[in-house]
């Protein structure tokens, strides 16, 4: 990955998630302070690997796109949604974001960028809450409403939350680790900025009792693919994510976890 010789001299802040520092250059002091407050524990002094100029526009629509659209063309990624339009050259380490003045837009761009970077390294972002207990990470995945935030709220005091919404998964040799992220859900709170080896993944289902059952690799991979964040319309990148998913379920135990909104569900975990 490229290093930016001029990064240290430019205004803005470096946000480091999953060990990947990205600099955001923002001229507007008010917006910069907003970002500093939200990304507080993920602000880094590391030399950035990539740098984005952030241009703010008046509130409203930047692009006619309503859904996220990500495309590779002539050595650059373009990322669009109604509230932002971003352009990124990975080889040069440079990008530009034109967006409405809210942190959700830049947060969305960062999520997309990390999905692209992780795909190349055998990892992915997953719709999952996660927490560290006894030195190991436990992930709880599901679609909206499955109970990711509920599980996070029910966590006992000996659990350190990494996220209640988006788990950051990386390949570490022959195993996988989870990093904390600032990509929050209903808790509206960044996770702890640390990492831990993944002990297990639980696919959530709400029910009238607490129980879990192991899943075979084929079922686990199929279910997991539904919850992985990936937006690029690129067959080769999709293939990489699919291969990572199959490798992950071959190395990490995956269970179906049926639970009631009761703290006793954590007695089944760890």
Protein backbone atom coordinates (compact mmCIF):
# COMPACT_ATOMS: atom_id res chain seq x y z
CA UNK A 1 0.00 0.00 0.00
CA UNK A 2 1.30 3.50 -0.76
CA UNK A 3 2.62 5.87 1.87
CA UNK A 4 1.84 9.56 1.60
CA UNK A 5 4.90 11.73 1.90
CA UNK A 6 2.88 14.93 2.33
CA UNK A 7 0.31 13.56 4.81
CA UNK A 8 1.96 14.82 8.00
CA UNK A 9 1.91 18.41 6.76
CA UNK A 10 -1.77 18.53 5.86
CA UNK A 11 -4.74 19.51 8.00
CA UNK A 12 -7.33 16.99 9.11
CA UNK A 13 -7.31 13.81 11.16
CA UNK A 14 -6.20 10.21 10.74
CA UNK A 15 -8.81 7.55 11.55
CA UNK A 16 -7.31 4.10 12.10
CA UNK A 17 -9.66 1.12 12.03
CA UNK A 18 -8.38 -2.44 11.78
CA UNK A 19 -4.79 -1.20 11.68
CA UNK A 20 -5.43 0.82 8.48
CA UNK A 21 -4.89 4.58 8.99
CA UNK A 22 -6.82 6.86 6.62
CA UNK A 23 -6.48 10.65 6.66
CA UNK A 24 -9.48 12.89 6.11
CA UNK A 25 -8.61 16.46 5.11
CA UNK A 26 -11.41 18.81 6.13
CA UNK A 27 -11.26 22.62 5.89
CA UNK A 28 -14.45 23.29 7.85
CA UNK A 29 -13.49 23.60 11.58
CA UNK A 30 -17.00 22.78 12.83
CA UNK A 31 -17.25 19.60 10.78
CA UNK A 32 -13.71 18.61 11.71
CA UNK A 33 -14.59 18.93 15.40
CA UNK A 34 -17.69 16.82 14.81
CA UNK A 35 -15.53 14.07 13.32
CA UNK A 36 -12.98 14.32 16.13
CA UNK A 37 -15.71 13.90 18.71
CA UNK A 38 -17.30 10.90 17.02
CA UNK A 39 -14.10 9.02 16.07
CA UNK A 40 -12.30 9.99 19.28
CA UNK A 41 -10.77 6.63 20.28
CA UNK A 42 -9.91 5.78 16.66
CA UNK A 43 -7.93 8.95 15.92
CA UNK A 44 -4.33 7.98 15.27
CA UNK A 45 -0.89 9.52 14.90
CA UNK A 46 0.14 6.80 12.42
CA UNK A 47 1.32 7.70 8.96
CA UNK A 48 -1.76 7.35 6.71
CA UNK A 49 -1.86 4.79 3.93
CA UNK A 50 -4.61 6.69 2.11
CA UNK A 51 -5.85 10.25 2.12
CA UNK A 52 -9.21 11.76 1.20
CA UNK A 53 -10.02 15.42 0.61
CA UNK A 54 -13.51 16.10 1.96
CA UNK A 55 -15.50 18.85 0.22
CA UNK A 56 -18.73 19.90 1.89
CA UNK A 57 -21.78 20.94 -0.09
CA UNK A 58 -25.07 22.44 1.01
CA UNK A 59 -27.55 20.00 2.57
CA UNK A 60 -29.50 18.09 -0.05
CA UNK A 61 -28.63 15.61 -2.77
CA UNK A 62 -25.15 15.34 -4.25
CA UNK A 63 -25.93 12.50 -6.63
CA UNK A 64 -29.09 11.16 -8.26
CA UNK A 65 -28.20 7.77 -6.76
CA UNK A 66 -30.31 6.80 -3.75
CA UNK A 67 -28.72 3.41 -3.09
CA UNK A 68 -24.98 2.89 -2.79
CA UNK A 69 -23.22 2.39 -6.13
CA UNK A 70 -19.56 1.29 -6.19
CA UNK A 71 -17.67 0.73 -9.43
CA UNK A 72 -14.08 0.14 -10.60
CA UNK A 73 -13.05 1.96 -13.76
CA UNK A 74 -9.63 2.81 -15.22
CA UNK A 75 -7.73 2.29 -11.97
CA UNK A 76 -10.16 4.20 -9.75
CA UNK A 77 -13.09 3.40 -7.52
CA UNK A 78 -16.16 5.60 -7.66
CA UNK A 79 -18.68 5.51 -4.82
CA UNK A 80 -22.04 7.24 -4.98
CA UNK A 81 -25.15 7.67 -2.92
CA UNK A 82 -27.63 10.52 -2.72
CA UNK A 83 -25.59 12.29 -0.02
CA UNK A 84 -22.05 11.73 -1.37
CA UNK A 85 -19.92 11.15 -4.43
CA UNK A 86 -16.40 9.80 -3.82
CA UNK A 87 -13.52 9.03 -6.13
CA UNK A 88 -10.48 7.00 -5.01
CA UNK A 89 -7.21 5.99 -6.69
CA UNK A 90 -5.74 3.21 -4.47
CA UNK A 91 -2.40 3.13 -6.29
CA UNK A 92 -1.83 6.85 -5.67
CA UNK A 93 -3.33 6.65 -2.19
CA UNK A 94 -5.53 9.65 -2.93
CA UNK A 95 -9.25 10.24 -3.01
CA UNK A 96 -11.89 12.94 -2.83
CA UNK A 97 -15.31 12.95 -1.16
CA UNK A 98 -17.99 15.48 -2.03
CA UNK A 99 -20.73 15.18 0.55
CA UNK A 100 -23.45 16.87 2.55
CA UNK A 101 -22.25 18.19 5.94
CA UNK A 102 -23.00 15.19 8.14
CA UNK A 103 -20.75 12.50 9.59
CA UNK A 104 -22.94 9.68 8.24
CA UNK A 105 -21.74 10.35 4.70
CA UNK A 106 -18.03 10.10 5.47
CA UNK A 107 -18.77 7.12 7.72
CA UNK A 108 -20.40 5.34 4.78
CA UNK A 109 -17.41 6.04 2.54
CA UNK A 110 -15.02 4.68 5.17
CA UNK A 111 -17.07 1.49 5.44
CA UNK A 112 -16.96 1.02 1.67
CA UNK A 113 -13.22 1.66 1.50
CA UNK A 114 -12.56 -0.87 4.25
CA UNK A 115 -14.69 -3.53 2.52
CA UNK A 116 -12.54 -3.12 -0.59
CA UNK A 117 -9.27 -3.24 1.34
CA UNK A 118 -10.35 -6.23 3.42
CA UNK A 119 -11.45 -8.22 0.38
CA UNK A 120 -7.85 -8.18 -0.87
CA UNK A 121 -6.56 -9.42 2.51
CA UNK A 122 -9.01 -12.25 3.17
CA UNK A 123 -11.28 -10.33 5.55
CA UNK A 124 -14.64 -8.58 5.49
CA UNK A 125 -17.08 -6.35 7.34
CA UNK A 126 -20.03 -8.20 8.83
CA UNK A 127 -23.42 -7.07 10.10
CA UNK A 128 -22.70 -8.31 13.61
CA UNK A 129 -22.26 -7.08 17.13
CA UNK A 130 -19.19 -8.44 18.89
CA UNK A 131 -17.54 -8.49 22.27
CA UNK A 132 -14.36 -9.73 23.91
CA UNK A 133 -14.58 -12.12 26.83
CA UNK A 134 -11.61 -13.90 28.43
CA UNK A 135 -9.37 -12.66 25.63
CA UNK A 136 -11.50 -13.99 22.76
CA UNK A 137 -14.03 -12.32 20.47
CA UNK A 138 -17.59 -13.58 20.05
CA UNK A 139 -19.68 -12.36 17.11
CA UNK A 140 -23.47 -12.14 16.85
CA UNK A 141 -24.69 -11.71 13.29
CA UNK A 142 -28.09 -11.04 11.78
CA UNK A 143 -30.18 -8.76 9.63
CA UNK A 144 -31.75 -5.61 10.99
CA UNK A 145 -34.00 -6.50 13.93
CA UNK A 146 -32.35 -9.87 14.61
CA UNK A 147 -31.04 -8.71 17.98
CA UNK A 148 -27.46 -7.51 17.46
CA UNK A 149 -27.90 -4.42 19.64
CA UNK A 150 -30.03 -6.34 22.15
CA UNK A 151 -27.22 -8.86 22.67
CA UNK A 152 -24.78 -5.97 23.12
CA UNK A 153 -27.02 -4.32 25.72
CA UNK A 154 -27.33 -7.61 27.63
CA UNK A 155 -23.56 -8.15 27.79
CA UNK A 156 -22.26 -8.72 31.34
CA UNK A 157 -19.57 -6.49 32.90
CA UNK A 158 -16.72 -8.84 31.92
CA UNK A 159 -17.44 -8.30 28.20
CA UNK A 160 -15.76 -5.48 26.27
CA UNK A 161 -17.89 -4.44 23.31
CA UNK A 162 -16.21 -4.08 19.93
CA UNK A 163 -19.38 -2.92 18.13
CA UNK A 164 -23.15 -3.30 18.17
CA UNK A 165 -23.47 -3.12 14.38
CA UNK A 166 -20.46 -3.73 12.09
CA UNK A 167 -17.76 -6.26 13.01
CA UNK A 168 -14.33 -5.96 11.40
CA UNK A 169 -12.88 -9.38 10.56
CA UNK A 170 -9.32 -10.03 9.42
CA UNK A 171 -7.34 -13.13 8.51
CA UNK A 172 -4.42 -13.62 10.89
CA UNK A 173 -2.33 -16.53 9.55
CA UNK A 174 -4.43 -19.64 10.06
CA UNK A 175 -7.04 -17.93 12.21
CA UNK A 176 -9.30 -14.86 12.26
CA UNK A 177 -9.43 -11.81 14.52
CA UNK A 178 -12.03 -9.13 15.19
CA UNK A 179 -11.23 -5.44 15.63
CA UNK A 180 -13.33 -2.83 17.37
CA UNK A 181 -14.97 -0.29 15.08
CA UNK A 182 -16.52 3.18 15.30
CA UNK A 183 -19.32 1.97 13.00
CA UNK A 184 -22.13 2.05 15.56
CA UNK A 185 -25.74 0.96 15.41
CA UNK A 186 -28.60 1.84 17.75
CA UNK A 187 -26.24 2.27 20.70
CA UNK A 188 -24.73 5.29 18.89
CA UNK A 189 -21.43 4.51 20.57
CA UNK A 190 -18.08 3.47 19.11
CA UNK A 191 -16.66 0.14 20.18
CA UNK A 192 -13.41 -0.44 22.05
CA UNK A 193 -10.33 0.10 19.90
CA UNK A 194 -8.72 -3.33 20.32
CA UNK A 195 -8.58 -6.73 18.64
CA UNK A 196 -8.95 -10.34 19.73
CA UNK A 197 -8.95 -13.78 18.08
CA UNK A 198 -12.43 -14.95 17.14
CA UNK A 199 -13.71 -17.91 19.18
CA UNK A 200 -17.14 -18.31 17.60
CA UNK A 201 -19.85 -16.72 15.47
CA UNK A 202 -23.54 -16.90 16.37
CA UNK A 203 -26.36 -16.36 13.87
CA UNK A 204 -29.21 -14.75 15.79
CA UNK A 205 -32.84 -15.77 15.94
CA UNK A 206 -35.31 -14.44 18.50
CA UNK A 207 -37.38 -17.05 20.31
CA UNK A 208 -39.01 -18.08 23.57
CA UNK A 209 -35.92 -19.82 24.99
CA UNK A 210 -32.12 -19.65 24.91
CA UNK A 211 -30.45 -22.41 22.92
CA UNK A 212 -27.84 -22.90 20.25
CA UNK A 213 -27.03 -25.49 17.62
CA UNK A 214 -23.91 -25.91 15.48
CA UNK A 215 -24.23 -25.32 11.74
CA UNK A 216 -22.51 -27.26 8.98
CA UNK A 217 -20.10 -25.31 6.80
CA UNK A 218 -22.39 -25.07 3.78
CA UNK A 219 -25.30 -23.69 5.80
CA UNK A 220 -23.01 -21.37 7.74
CA UNK A 221 -21.45 -19.95 4.55
CA UNK A 222 -24.84 -19.38 2.95
CA UNK A 223 -26.17 -17.57 6.03
CA UNK A 224 -22.98 -15.57 6.49
CA UNK A 225 -22.96 -14.27 2.92
CA UNK A 226 -26.32 -12.61 3.54
CA UNK A 227 -24.82 -10.47 6.30
CA UNK A 228 -21.48 -9.45 4.79
CA UNK A 229 -21.18 -5.82 3.72
CA UNK A 230 -20.03 -5.51 0.14
CA UNK A 231 -21.13 -2.98 -2.44
CA UNK A 232 -18.73 -3.24 -5.40
CA UNK A 233 -20.08 -4.37 -8.76
CA UNK A 234 -16.91 -6.28 -9.51
CA UNK A 235 -16.93 -10.07 -10.15
CA UNK A 236 -13.32 -10.60 -9.09
CA UNK A 237 -13.82 -8.84 -5.75
CA UNK A 238 -17.07 -10.73 -5.13
CA UNK A 239 -15.15 -13.97 -5.76
CA UNK A 240 -12.56 -12.99 -3.15
CA UNK A 241 -15.26 -12.32 -0.55
CA UNK A 242 -16.93 -15.65 -1.30
CA UNK A 243 -13.61 -17.49 -0.89
CA UNK A 244 -12.96 -15.71 2.41
CA UNK A 245 -16.42 -16.67 3.66
CA UNK A 246 -15.85 -20.34 2.87
CA UNK A 247 -12.44 -20.27 4.54
CA UNK A 248 -13.85 -18.50 7.61
CA UNK A 249 -16.58 -21.10 8.29
CA UNK A 250 -13.98 -23.83 7.93
CA UNK A 251 -11.91 -22.33 10.73
CA UNK A 252 -14.41 -20.65 13.09
CA UNK A 253 -17.31 -22.49 14.80
CA UNK A 254 -20.69 -21.11 13.65
CA UNK A 255 -23.89 -21.70 15.65
CA UNK A 256 -27.53 -20.76 15.36
CA UNK A 257 -28.37 -18.90 18.58
CA UNK A 258 -32.02 -18.62 19.53
CA UNK A 259 -32.51 -16.25 22.43
CA UNK A 260 -34.90 -14.30 24.58
CA UNK A 261 -34.10 -10.69 25.59
CA UNK A 262 -32.56 -11.97 28.81
CA UNK A 263 -28.98 -11.60 30.09
CA UNK A 264 -28.86 -15.35 30.73
CA UNK A 265 -28.21 -15.86 27.01
CA UNK A 266 -24.60 -14.94 27.73
CA UNK A 267 -24.31 -18.10 29.85
CA UNK A 268 -24.21 -20.01 26.56
CA UNK A 269 -21.34 -17.88 25.24
CA UNK A 270 -17.70 -18.29 26.15
